[in-house]
Amino acid sequence: MYNVLGKRIETLVNGYLTANRYEISWDASPFPGGVYFYRLETEGFTSTKNMILVK
């Protein structure tokens, strides 16, 4: 997870996962509402998406 300044604020998963569907929960209670970004990385593929945290 990254804030709007590009600073990494949290790492949710750091490791190898086999191909499948996964659901990861993020406890955002210590963070203020706003825009955040998350990045998904695999071999040969990277995707960054944004999310809005509303409190």
N, C-alpha and C. Protein backbone atom coordinates (compact mmCIF):
# COMPACT_ATOMS: atom_id res chain seq x y z
N MET A 1 0.85 -1.16 0.00
CA MET A 1 0.00 0.00 0.00
C MET A 1 0.90 1.23 0.00
N TYR A 2 0.50 2.21 -0.80
CA TYR A 2 1.25 3.45 -0.94
C TYR A 2 0.31 4.64 -0.73
N ASN A 3 0.85 5.72 -0.17
CA ASN A 3 0.04 6.94 -0.04
C ASN A 3 0.19 7.77 -1.32
N VAL A 4 -0.44 8.92 -1.39
CA VAL A 4 -0.41 9.74 -2.60
C VAL A 4 0.98 10.30 -2.90
N LEU A 5 1.87 10.31 -1.92
CA LEU A 5 3.24 10.77 -2.13
C LEU A 5 4.14 9.66 -2.65
N GLY A 6 3.59 8.45 -2.77
CA GLY A 6 4.37 7.32 -3.26
C GLY A 6 5.14 6.58 -2.18
N LYS A 7 4.91 6.94 -0.92
CA LYS A 7 5.60 6.28 0.19
C LYS A 7 4.88 4.97 0.53
N ARG A 8 5.65 3.90 0.63
CA ARG A 8 5.06 2.61 1.02
C ARG A 8 4.66 2.68 2.49
N ILE A 9 3.40 2.42 2.76
CA ILE A 9 2.92 2.51 4.14
C ILE A 9 2.63 1.14 4.74
N GLU A 10 2.48 0.14 3.88
CA GLU A 10 2.15 -1.19 4.39
C GLU A 10 2.42 -2.22 3.29
N THR A 11 2.91 -3.40 3.70
CA THR A 11 3.05 -4.52 2.78
C THR A 11 2.08 -5.60 3.23
N LEU A 12 1.16 -5.98 2.37
CA LEU A 12 0.13 -6.95 2.74
C LEU A 12 0.59 -8.39 2.50
N VAL A 13 1.24 -8.64 1.39
CA VAL A 13 1.75 -9.97 1.07
C VAL A 13 3.11 -9.80 0.44
N ASN A 14 4.07 -10.56 0.91
CA ASN A 14 5.41 -10.53 0.32
C ASN A 14 5.90 -11.96 0.23
N GLY A 15 5.60 -12.60 -0.87
CA GLY A 15 6.01 -13.97 -1.05
C GLY A 15 5.38 -14.56 -2.28
N TYR A 16 5.72 -15.79 -2.55
CA TYR A 16 5.23 -16.49 -3.73
C TYR A 16 3.89 -17.14 -3.42
N LEU A 17 2.89 -16.90 -4.26
CA LEU A 17 1.59 -17.55 -4.15
C LEU A 17 1.31 -18.28 -5.45
N THR A 18 0.76 -19.47 -5.36
CA THR A 18 0.42 -20.21 -6.57
C THR A 18 -0.78 -19.57 -7.25
N ALA A 19 -0.95 -19.86 -8.51
CA ALA A 19 -2.08 -19.30 -9.26
C ALA A 19 -3.39 -19.74 -8.62
N ASN A 20 -4.21 -18.78 -8.27
CA ASN A 20 -5.48 -19.05 -7.62
C ASN A 20 -6.16 -17.71 -7.38
N ARG A 21 -7.26 -17.74 -6.68
CA ARG A 21 -7.94 -16.53 -6.24
C ARG A 21 -7.63 -16.31 -4.77
N TYR A 22 -7.31 -15.07 -4.41
CA TYR A 22 -6.98 -14.76 -3.02
C TYR A 22 -7.74 -13.52 -2.58
N GLU A 23 -8.04 -13.46 -1.31
CA GLU A 23 -8.66 -12.30 -0.71
C GLU A 23 -7.79 -11.86 0.45
N ILE A 24 -7.35 -10.61 0.41
CA ILE A 24 -6.46 -10.07 1.44
C ILE A 24 -7.19 -8.93 2.13
N SER A 25 -7.19 -8.93 3.44
CA SER A 25 -7.83 -7.85 4.21
C SER A 25 -6.77 -6.85 4.65
N TRP A 26 -7.15 -5.59 4.65
CA TRP A 26 -6.26 -4.52 5.09
C TRP A 26 -6.93 -3.77 6.22
N ASP A 27 -6.30 -3.76 7.39
CA ASP A 27 -6.80 -2.99 8.53
C ASP A 27 -6.34 -1.55 8.35
N ALA A 28 -7.22 -0.72 7.84
CA ALA A 28 -6.88 0.67 7.53
C ALA A 28 -7.19 1.62 8.68
N SER A 29 -7.52 1.10 9.85
CA SER A 29 -7.91 1.96 10.97
C SER A 29 -6.85 2.98 11.38
N PRO A 30 -5.53 2.68 11.27
CA PRO A 30 -4.57 3.71 11.67
C PRO A 30 -4.33 4.79 10.61
N PHE A 31 -4.93 4.66 9.44
CA PHE A 31 -4.66 5.60 8.34
C PHE A 31 -5.85 6.53 8.12
N PRO A 32 -5.56 7.78 7.75
CA PRO A 32 -6.66 8.72 7.48
C PRO A 32 -7.34 8.39 6.15
N GLY A 33 -8.56 8.86 6.00
CA GLY A 33 -9.26 8.69 4.73
C GLY A 33 -8.52 9.41 3.62
N GLY A 34 -8.65 8.89 2.41
CA GLY A 34 -7.98 9.53 1.27
C GLY A 34 -7.74 8.53 0.17
N VAL A 35 -6.86 8.89 -0.74
CA VAL A 35 -6.53 8.04 -1.88
C VAL A 35 -5.28 7.24 -1.55
N TYR A 36 -5.32 5.96 -1.86
CA TYR A 36 -4.19 5.06 -1.66
C TYR A 36 -4.01 4.24 -2.94
N PHE A 37 -2.83 3.68 -3.09
CA PHE A 37 -2.51 2.87 -4.26
C PHE A 37 -2.02 1.50 -3.80
N TYR A 38 -2.35 0.49 -4.61
CA TYR A 38 -1.81 -0.84 -4.35
C TYR A 38 -1.21 -1.37 -5.63
N ARG A 39 -0.19 -2.21 -5.49
CA ARG A 39 0.53 -2.75 -6.64
C ARG A 39 0.51 -4.27 -6.59
N LEU A 40 0.18 -4.87 -7.73
CA LEU A 40 0.23 -6.31 -7.89
C LEU A 40 1.38 -6.63 -8.83
N GLU A 41 2.28 -7.50 -8.40
CA GLU A 41 3.43 -7.85 -9.22
C GLU A 41 3.55 -9.35 -9.38
N THR A 42 3.78 -9.78 -10.61
CA THR A 42 4.07 -11.18 -10.91
C THR A 42 5.25 -11.18 -11.88
N GLU A 43 5.69 -12.35 -12.26
CA GLU A 43 6.74 -12.43 -13.27
C GLU A 43 6.20 -11.89 -14.58
N GLY A 44 6.77 -10.81 -15.06
CA GLY A 44 6.37 -10.25 -16.33
C GLY A 44 5.13 -9.38 -16.31
N PHE A 45 4.59 -9.07 -15.14
CA PHE A 45 3.38 -8.25 -15.07
C PHE A 45 3.38 -7.43 -13.79
N THR A 46 3.08 -6.14 -13.91
CA THR A 46 2.90 -5.26 -12.75
C THR A 46 1.70 -4.37 -13.02
N SER A 47 0.84 -4.22 -12.02
CA SER A 47 -0.34 -3.38 -12.14
C SER A 47 -0.49 -2.56 -10.87
N THR A 48 -0.68 -1.25 -11.04
CA THR A 48 -0.92 -0.36 -9.90
C THR A 48 -2.33 0.21 -10.05
N LYS A 49 -3.11 0.09 -8.99
CA LYS A 49 -4.48 0.58 -8.98
C LYS A 49 -4.66 1.53 -7.80
N ASN A 50 -5.67 2.37 -7.88
CA ASN A 50 -5.93 3.27 -6.77
C ASN A 50 -7.21 2.86 -6.05
N MET A 51 -7.32 3.33 -4.82
CA MET A 51 -8.53 3.07 -4.03
C MET A 51 -8.78 4.29 -3.17
N ILE A 52 -10.03 4.50 -2.82
CA ILE A 52 -10.39 5.60 -1.94
C ILE A 52 -10.84 5.03 -0.61
N LEU A 53 -10.20 5.47 0.45
CA LEU A 53 -10.57 5.05 1.80
C LEU A 53 -11.48 6.12 2.38
N VAL A 54 -12.71 5.74 2.69
CA VAL A 54 -13.68 6.66 3.25
C VAL A 54 -13.90 6.29 4.70
N LYS A 55 -13.78 7.25 5.58
CA LYS A 55 -13.98 7.00 7.00
C LYS A 55 -15.13 7.83 7.50
